[in-house]
Amino acid sequence: MEGADATGVYILQKIDLYNKYRMDVLITAGRAYIATGEMQKAIEILQKVVNTNPYSLNVLFLLGVAYANSNDKENALVILQRVLQIKPDFSEARKIFFSLKAFGKARVNLR
C-alpha cells in the first residue's frame, strides 16, 4: 500500500483510536481497508458497526463485499441476503449475491 491510500488509512487508524463510538469514522475506515485490499481489518471494523446497528444497509453491504473479496463465500452470502431482505431492489448487492451463488466467487472494486 502506497501514497494517498496508505496515508488515508494511517490517518483513519489514528482517528479510530480516539473515536471508538463514531460510526461514520469506523465505516470510512472499513471502506478504506476494502479499497486497499485489507479485508480482515475491514471485516473487523465493519463487524463492530453491525454489532451496534444490525440494520445499517450501507455497513451490511460493505461487510458483504469484504467477505466476498476475502473469498469467504458463506459469510458473504449470509450478509448479502440480509441486505436484500432489507432492500430487495439493491442491484449491486443482488449482482454480487448471484455471482457468488453461480460462480462461487465475486470480486468487488470500490475505488
N, C-alpha and C. Protein backbone atom coordinates (compact mmCIF):
# COMPACT_ATOMS: atom_id res chain seq x y z
N MET A 1 0.85 -1.17 0.00
CA MET A 1 0.00 0.00 0.00
C MET A 1 0.90 1.23 0.00
N GLU A 2 0.62 2.17 -0.91
CA GLU A 2 1.49 3.32 -1.06
C GLU A 2 0.68 4.60 -1.20
N GLY A 3 1.37 5.70 -1.08
CA GLY A 3 0.82 7.00 -1.39
C GLY A 3 -0.38 7.41 -0.57
N ALA A 4 -1.36 7.99 -1.27
CA ALA A 4 -2.55 8.54 -0.61
C ALA A 4 -3.34 7.48 0.13
N ASP A 5 -3.43 6.27 -0.44
CA ASP A 5 -4.17 5.19 0.23
C ASP A 5 -3.56 4.89 1.59
N ALA A 6 -2.24 4.73 1.63
CA ALA A 6 -1.55 4.41 2.88
C ALA A 6 -1.72 5.54 3.88
N THR A 7 -1.58 6.78 3.43
CA THR A 7 -1.73 7.92 4.32
C THR A 7 -3.15 8.01 4.86
N GLY A 8 -4.12 7.79 3.99
CA GLY A 8 -5.52 7.86 4.42
C GLY A 8 -5.86 6.80 5.44
N VAL A 9 -5.40 5.58 5.23
CA VAL A 9 -5.66 4.50 6.19
C VAL A 9 -4.95 4.80 7.50
N TYR A 10 -3.73 5.30 7.45
CA TYR A 10 -2.98 5.63 8.65
C TYR A 10 -3.73 6.69 9.47
N ILE A 11 -4.20 7.70 8.80
CA ILE A 11 -4.94 8.77 9.49
C ILE A 11 -6.22 8.20 10.10
N LEU A 12 -6.93 7.38 9.34
CA LEU A 12 -8.16 6.78 9.87
C LEU A 12 -7.88 5.89 11.08
N GLN A 13 -6.76 5.18 11.07
CA GLN A 13 -6.40 4.36 12.22
C GLN A 13 -6.22 5.24 13.46
N LYS A 14 -5.54 6.34 13.30
CA LYS A 14 -5.30 7.24 14.42
C LYS A 14 -6.60 7.87 14.91
N ILE A 15 -7.46 8.28 13.99
CA ILE A 15 -8.75 8.84 14.38
C ILE A 15 -9.56 7.80 15.12
N ASP A 16 -9.55 6.56 14.62
CA ASP A 16 -10.31 5.48 15.23
C ASP A 16 -9.90 5.26 16.68
N LEU A 17 -8.60 5.44 16.99
CA LEU A 17 -8.14 5.24 18.35
C LEU A 17 -8.83 6.19 19.33
N TYR A 18 -9.22 7.34 18.85
CA TYR A 18 -9.82 8.35 19.73
C TYR A 18 -11.34 8.46 19.58
N ASN A 19 -11.91 7.79 18.61
CA ASN A 19 -13.35 7.91 18.34
C ASN A 19 -13.99 6.54 18.19
N LYS A 20 -13.87 5.70 19.21
CA LYS A 20 -14.38 4.33 19.12
C LYS A 20 -15.88 4.28 18.85
N TYR A 21 -16.61 5.32 19.19
CA TYR A 21 -18.06 5.29 19.04
C TYR A 21 -18.55 6.15 17.89
N ARG A 22 -17.68 6.64 17.07
CA ARG A 22 -18.05 7.41 15.89
C ARG A 22 -18.25 6.46 14.74
N MET A 23 -19.49 6.09 14.49
CA MET A 23 -19.79 5.11 13.45
C MET A 23 -19.34 5.57 12.07
N ASP A 24 -19.45 6.87 11.79
CA ASP A 24 -19.05 7.36 10.47
C ASP A 24 -17.56 7.15 10.24
N VAL A 25 -16.76 7.32 11.28
CA VAL A 25 -15.31 7.11 11.16
C VAL A 25 -15.02 5.63 10.95
N LEU A 26 -15.71 4.78 11.69
CA LEU A 26 -15.50 3.34 11.53
C LEU A 26 -15.90 2.86 10.14
N ILE A 27 -17.01 3.38 9.63
CA ILE A 27 -17.47 3.00 8.28
C ILE A 27 -16.46 3.46 7.24
N THR A 28 -15.97 4.68 7.36
CA THR A 28 -14.97 5.19 6.43
C THR A 28 -13.70 4.37 6.49
N ALA A 29 -13.28 3.99 7.70
CA ALA A 29 -12.08 3.16 7.84
C ALA A 29 -12.30 1.80 7.19
N GLY A 30 -13.47 1.20 7.41
CA GLY A 30 -13.77 -0.10 6.80
C GLY A 30 -13.74 -0.03 5.29
N ARG A 31 -14.33 1.02 4.76
CA ARG A 31 -14.34 1.21 3.29
C ARG A 31 -12.92 1.40 2.77
N ALA A 32 -12.09 2.16 3.50
CA ALA A 32 -10.70 2.38 3.09
C ALA A 32 -9.92 1.07 3.10
N TYR A 33 -10.16 0.25 4.10
CA TYR A 33 -9.47 -1.04 4.15
C TYR A 33 -9.88 -1.93 2.97
N ILE A 34 -11.14 -1.91 2.60
CA ILE A 34 -11.59 -2.68 1.43
C ILE A 34 -10.88 -2.16 0.19
N ALA A 35 -10.85 -0.85 0.02
CA ALA A 35 -10.24 -0.24 -1.16
C ALA A 35 -8.76 -0.54 -1.27
N THR A 36 -8.10 -0.75 -0.12
CA THR A 36 -6.66 -1.02 -0.14
C THR A 36 -6.34 -2.51 -0.02
N GLY A 37 -7.38 -3.35 -0.03
CA GLY A 37 -7.17 -4.79 -0.04
C GLY A 37 -6.96 -5.44 1.31
N GLU A 38 -7.21 -4.72 2.38
CA GLU A 38 -7.01 -5.26 3.72
C GLU A 38 -8.36 -5.73 4.28
N MET A 39 -8.82 -6.86 3.77
CA MET A 39 -10.17 -7.34 4.06
C MET A 39 -10.38 -7.73 5.52
N GLN A 40 -9.40 -8.36 6.15
CA GLN A 40 -9.58 -8.77 7.54
C GLN A 40 -9.78 -7.57 8.44
N LYS A 41 -9.02 -6.51 8.22
CA LYS A 41 -9.18 -5.29 9.01
C LYS A 41 -10.55 -4.67 8.73
N ALA A 42 -10.97 -4.69 7.47
CA ALA A 42 -12.28 -4.15 7.11
C ALA A 42 -13.39 -4.93 7.82
N ILE A 43 -13.29 -6.25 7.80
CA ILE A 43 -14.31 -7.09 8.43
C ILE A 43 -14.37 -6.82 9.92
N GLU A 44 -13.22 -6.72 10.55
CA GLU A 44 -13.18 -6.46 12.00
C GLU A 44 -13.88 -5.14 12.35
N ILE A 45 -13.56 -4.10 11.63
CA ILE A 45 -14.15 -2.79 11.90
C ILE A 45 -15.64 -2.76 11.56
N LEU A 46 -16.01 -3.26 10.40
CA LEU A 46 -17.41 -3.22 9.98
C LEU A 46 -18.28 -4.11 10.87
N GLN A 47 -17.73 -5.20 11.37
CA GLN A 47 -18.50 -6.06 12.28
C GLN A 47 -18.82 -5.32 13.58
N LYS A 48 -17.91 -4.45 14.03
CA LYS A 48 -18.17 -3.62 15.22
C LYS A 48 -19.41 -2.75 14.99
N VAL A 49 -19.47 -2.17 13.80
CA VAL A 49 -20.60 -1.29 13.49
C VAL A 49 -21.89 -2.10 13.37
N VAL A 50 -21.84 -3.25 12.73
CA VAL A 50 -23.03 -4.10 12.58
C VAL A 50 -23.51 -4.58 13.94
N ASN A 51 -22.59 -4.84 14.86
CA ASN A 51 -23.00 -5.25 16.21
C ASN A 51 -23.78 -4.16 16.91
N THR A 52 -23.47 -2.91 16.60
CA THR A 52 -24.17 -1.77 17.20
C THR A 52 -25.45 -1.44 16.44
N ASN A 53 -25.39 -1.56 15.11
CA ASN A 53 -26.53 -1.20 14.27
C ASN A 53 -26.73 -2.30 13.21
N PRO A 54 -27.45 -3.37 13.57
CA PRO A 54 -27.56 -4.53 12.68
C PRO A 54 -28.40 -4.31 11.42
N TYR A 55 -29.03 -3.16 11.27
CA TYR A 55 -29.87 -2.91 10.09
C TYR A 55 -29.32 -1.80 9.20
N SER A 56 -28.06 -1.44 9.39
CA SER A 56 -27.45 -0.42 8.56
C SER A 56 -27.13 -1.01 7.19
N LEU A 57 -27.89 -0.63 6.21
CA LEU A 57 -27.78 -1.18 4.86
C LEU A 57 -26.38 -0.98 4.28
N ASN A 58 -25.86 0.22 4.38
CA ASN A 58 -24.55 0.54 3.84
C ASN A 58 -23.47 -0.33 4.49
N VAL A 59 -23.51 -0.46 5.79
CA VAL A 59 -22.49 -1.23 6.51
C VAL A 59 -22.61 -2.71 6.19
N LEU A 60 -23.82 -3.22 6.15
CA LEU A 60 -24.02 -4.62 5.79
C LEU A 60 -23.48 -4.89 4.39
N PHE A 61 -23.76 -4.00 3.46
CA PHE A 61 -23.26 -4.17 2.10
C PHE A 61 -21.73 -4.20 2.08
N LEU A 62 -21.10 -3.24 2.75
CA LEU A 62 -19.64 -3.20 2.80
C LEU A 62 -19.07 -4.45 3.45
N LEU A 63 -19.72 -4.94 4.50
CA LEU A 63 -19.27 -6.17 5.15
C LEU A 63 -19.39 -7.35 4.19
N GLY A 64 -20.48 -7.42 3.45
CA GLY A 64 -20.64 -8.47 2.45
C GLY A 64 -19.57 -8.40 1.37
N VAL A 65 -19.23 -7.21 0.95
CA VAL A 65 -18.17 -7.01 -0.04
C VAL A 65 -16.83 -7.48 0.52
N ALA A 66 -16.55 -7.13 1.77
CA ALA A 66 -15.28 -7.54 2.39
C ALA A 66 -15.19 -9.07 2.47
N TYR A 67 -16.30 -9.71 2.85
CA TYR A 67 -16.30 -11.17 2.89
C TYR A 67 -16.13 -11.76 1.49
N ALA A 68 -16.81 -11.20 0.51
CA ALA A 68 -16.69 -11.70 -0.87
C ALA A 68 -15.26 -11.55 -1.37
N ASN A 69 -14.66 -10.40 -1.11
CA ASN A 69 -13.29 -10.16 -1.57
C ASN A 69 -12.26 -11.01 -0.83
N SER A 70 -12.61 -11.51 0.35
CA SER A 70 -11.69 -12.38 1.08
C SER A 70 -11.99 -13.86 0.82
N ASN A 71 -12.84 -14.10 -0.19
CA ASN A 71 -13.22 -15.46 -0.60
C ASN A 71 -13.93 -16.25 0.49
N ASP A 72 -14.64 -15.53 1.37
CA ASP A 72 -15.46 -16.18 2.40
C ASP A 72 -16.90 -16.18 1.88
N LYS A 73 -17.17 -17.12 0.99
CA LYS A 73 -18.45 -17.19 0.29
C LYS A 73 -19.62 -17.33 1.27
N GLU A 74 -19.50 -18.19 2.26
CA GLU A 74 -20.61 -18.44 3.18
C GLU A 74 -21.04 -17.17 3.91
N ASN A 75 -20.09 -16.47 4.53
CA ASN A 75 -20.43 -15.25 5.25
C ASN A 75 -20.92 -14.15 4.31
N ALA A 76 -20.30 -14.07 3.13
CA ALA A 76 -20.74 -13.07 2.15
C ALA A 76 -22.19 -13.29 1.76
N LEU A 77 -22.56 -14.53 1.50
CA LEU A 77 -23.94 -14.83 1.11
C LEU A 77 -24.93 -14.51 2.24
N VAL A 78 -24.56 -14.85 3.47
CA VAL A 78 -25.45 -14.57 4.61
C VAL A 78 -25.67 -13.06 4.75
N ILE A 79 -24.60 -12.30 4.68
CA ILE A 79 -24.69 -10.84 4.85
C ILE A 79 -25.44 -10.21 3.67
N LEU A 80 -25.11 -10.61 2.46
CA LEU A 80 -25.80 -10.03 1.30
C LEU A 80 -27.27 -10.42 1.25
N GLN A 81 -27.61 -11.58 1.76
CA GLN A 81 -29.01 -11.97 1.84
C GLN A 81 -29.75 -11.05 2.81
N ARG A 82 -29.11 -10.69 3.91
CA ARG A 82 -29.71 -9.72 4.85
C ARG A 82 -29.94 -8.38 4.16
N VAL A 83 -28.95 -7.95 3.36
CA VAL A 83 -29.08 -6.69 2.62
C VAL A 83 -30.31 -6.76 1.72
N LEU A 84 -30.45 -7.85 1.00
CA LEU A 84 -31.57 -7.99 0.06
C LEU A 84 -32.91 -8.17 0.76
N GLN A 85 -32.91 -8.66 1.98
CA GLN A 85 -34.16 -8.72 2.75
C GLN A 85 -34.61 -7.31 3.14
N ILE A 86 -33.64 -6.47 3.46
CA ILE A 86 -33.95 -5.09 3.84
C ILE A 86 -34.34 -4.27 2.61
N LYS A 87 -33.59 -4.45 1.52
CA LYS A 87 -33.82 -3.67 0.29
C LYS A 87 -33.70 -4.60 -0.92
N PRO A 88 -34.80 -5.25 -1.29
CA PRO A 88 -34.77 -6.23 -2.38
C PRO A 88 -34.30 -5.69 -3.73
N ASP A 89 -34.41 -4.39 -3.96
CA ASP A 89 -34.02 -3.82 -5.25
C ASP A 89 -32.60 -3.24 -5.24
N PHE A 90 -31.77 -3.63 -4.27
CA PHE A 90 -30.38 -3.18 -4.20
C PHE A 90 -29.60 -3.95 -5.27
N SER A 91 -29.48 -3.36 -6.46
CA SER A 91 -28.96 -4.07 -7.64
C SER A 91 -27.52 -4.53 -7.48
N GLU A 92 -26.66 -3.73 -6.91
CA GLU A 92 -25.25 -4.13 -6.76
C GLU A 92 -25.12 -5.32 -5.80
N ALA A 93 -25.88 -5.30 -4.71
CA ALA A 93 -25.87 -6.42 -3.78
C ALA A 93 -26.40 -7.68 -4.46
N ARG A 94 -27.43 -7.51 -5.26
CA ARG A 94 -28.02 -8.65 -5.99
C ARG A 94 -27.01 -9.25 -6.97
N LYS A 95 -26.26 -8.40 -7.69
CA LYS A 95 -25.25 -8.89 -8.65
C LYS A 95 -24.18 -9.71 -7.93
N ILE A 96 -23.70 -9.20 -6.82
CA ILE A 96 -22.65 -9.90 -6.08
C ILE A 96 -23.20 -11.21 -5.52
N PHE A 97 -24.41 -11.15 -4.96
CA PHE A 97 -25.04 -12.35 -4.38
C PHE A 97 -25.15 -13.45 -5.43
N PHE A 98 -25.68 -13.13 -6.60
CA PHE A 98 -25.88 -14.14 -7.63
C PHE A 98 -24.57 -14.60 -8.26
N SER A 99 -23.59 -13.73 -8.32
CA SER A 99 -22.26 -14.15 -8.79
C SER A 99 -21.66 -15.17 -7.83
N LEU A 100 -21.81 -14.92 -6.54
CA LEU A 100 -21.32 -15.89 -5.54
C LEU A 100 -22.06 -17.22 -5.65
N LYS A 101 -23.37 -17.15 -5.83
CA LYS A 101 -24.16 -18.37 -5.95
C LYS A 101 -23.79 -19.15 -7.21
N ALA A 102 -23.64 -18.46 -8.33
CA ALA A 102 -23.40 -19.12 -9.61
C ALA A 102 -21.95 -19.57 -9.80
N PHE A 103 -21.01 -18.71 -9.39
CA PHE A 103 -19.61 -18.98 -9.69
C PHE A 103 -18.75 -19.26 -8.46
N GLY A 104 -19.34 -19.07 -7.27
CA GLY A 104 -18.60 -19.32 -6.04
C GLY A 104 -17.63 -18.23 -5.65
N LYS A 105 -17.61 -17.15 -6.43
CA LYS A 105 -16.73 -16.04 -6.10
C LYS A 105 -17.24 -14.75 -6.72
N ALA A 106 -16.79 -13.66 -6.15
CA ALA A 106 -17.09 -12.33 -6.68
C ALA A 106 -16.02 -11.39 -6.19
N ARG A 107 -15.53 -10.57 -7.04
CA ARG A 107 -14.51 -9.58 -6.65
C ARG A 107 -15.10 -8.20 -6.88
N VAL A 108 -15.11 -7.39 -5.84
CA VAL A 108 -15.73 -6.07 -5.93
C VAL A 108 -14.66 -5.01 -5.70
N ASN A 109 -14.58 -4.07 -6.62
CA ASN A 109 -13.62 -2.96 -6.51
C ASN A 109 -14.38 -1.70 -6.13
N LEU A 110 -14.07 -1.14 -4.99
CA LEU A 110 -14.77 0.06 -4.52
C LEU A 110 -14.08 1.37 -4.92
N ARG A 111 -13.00 1.30 -5.61
CA ARG A 111 -12.26 2.52 -5.96
C ARG A 111 -13.00 3.38 -6.91
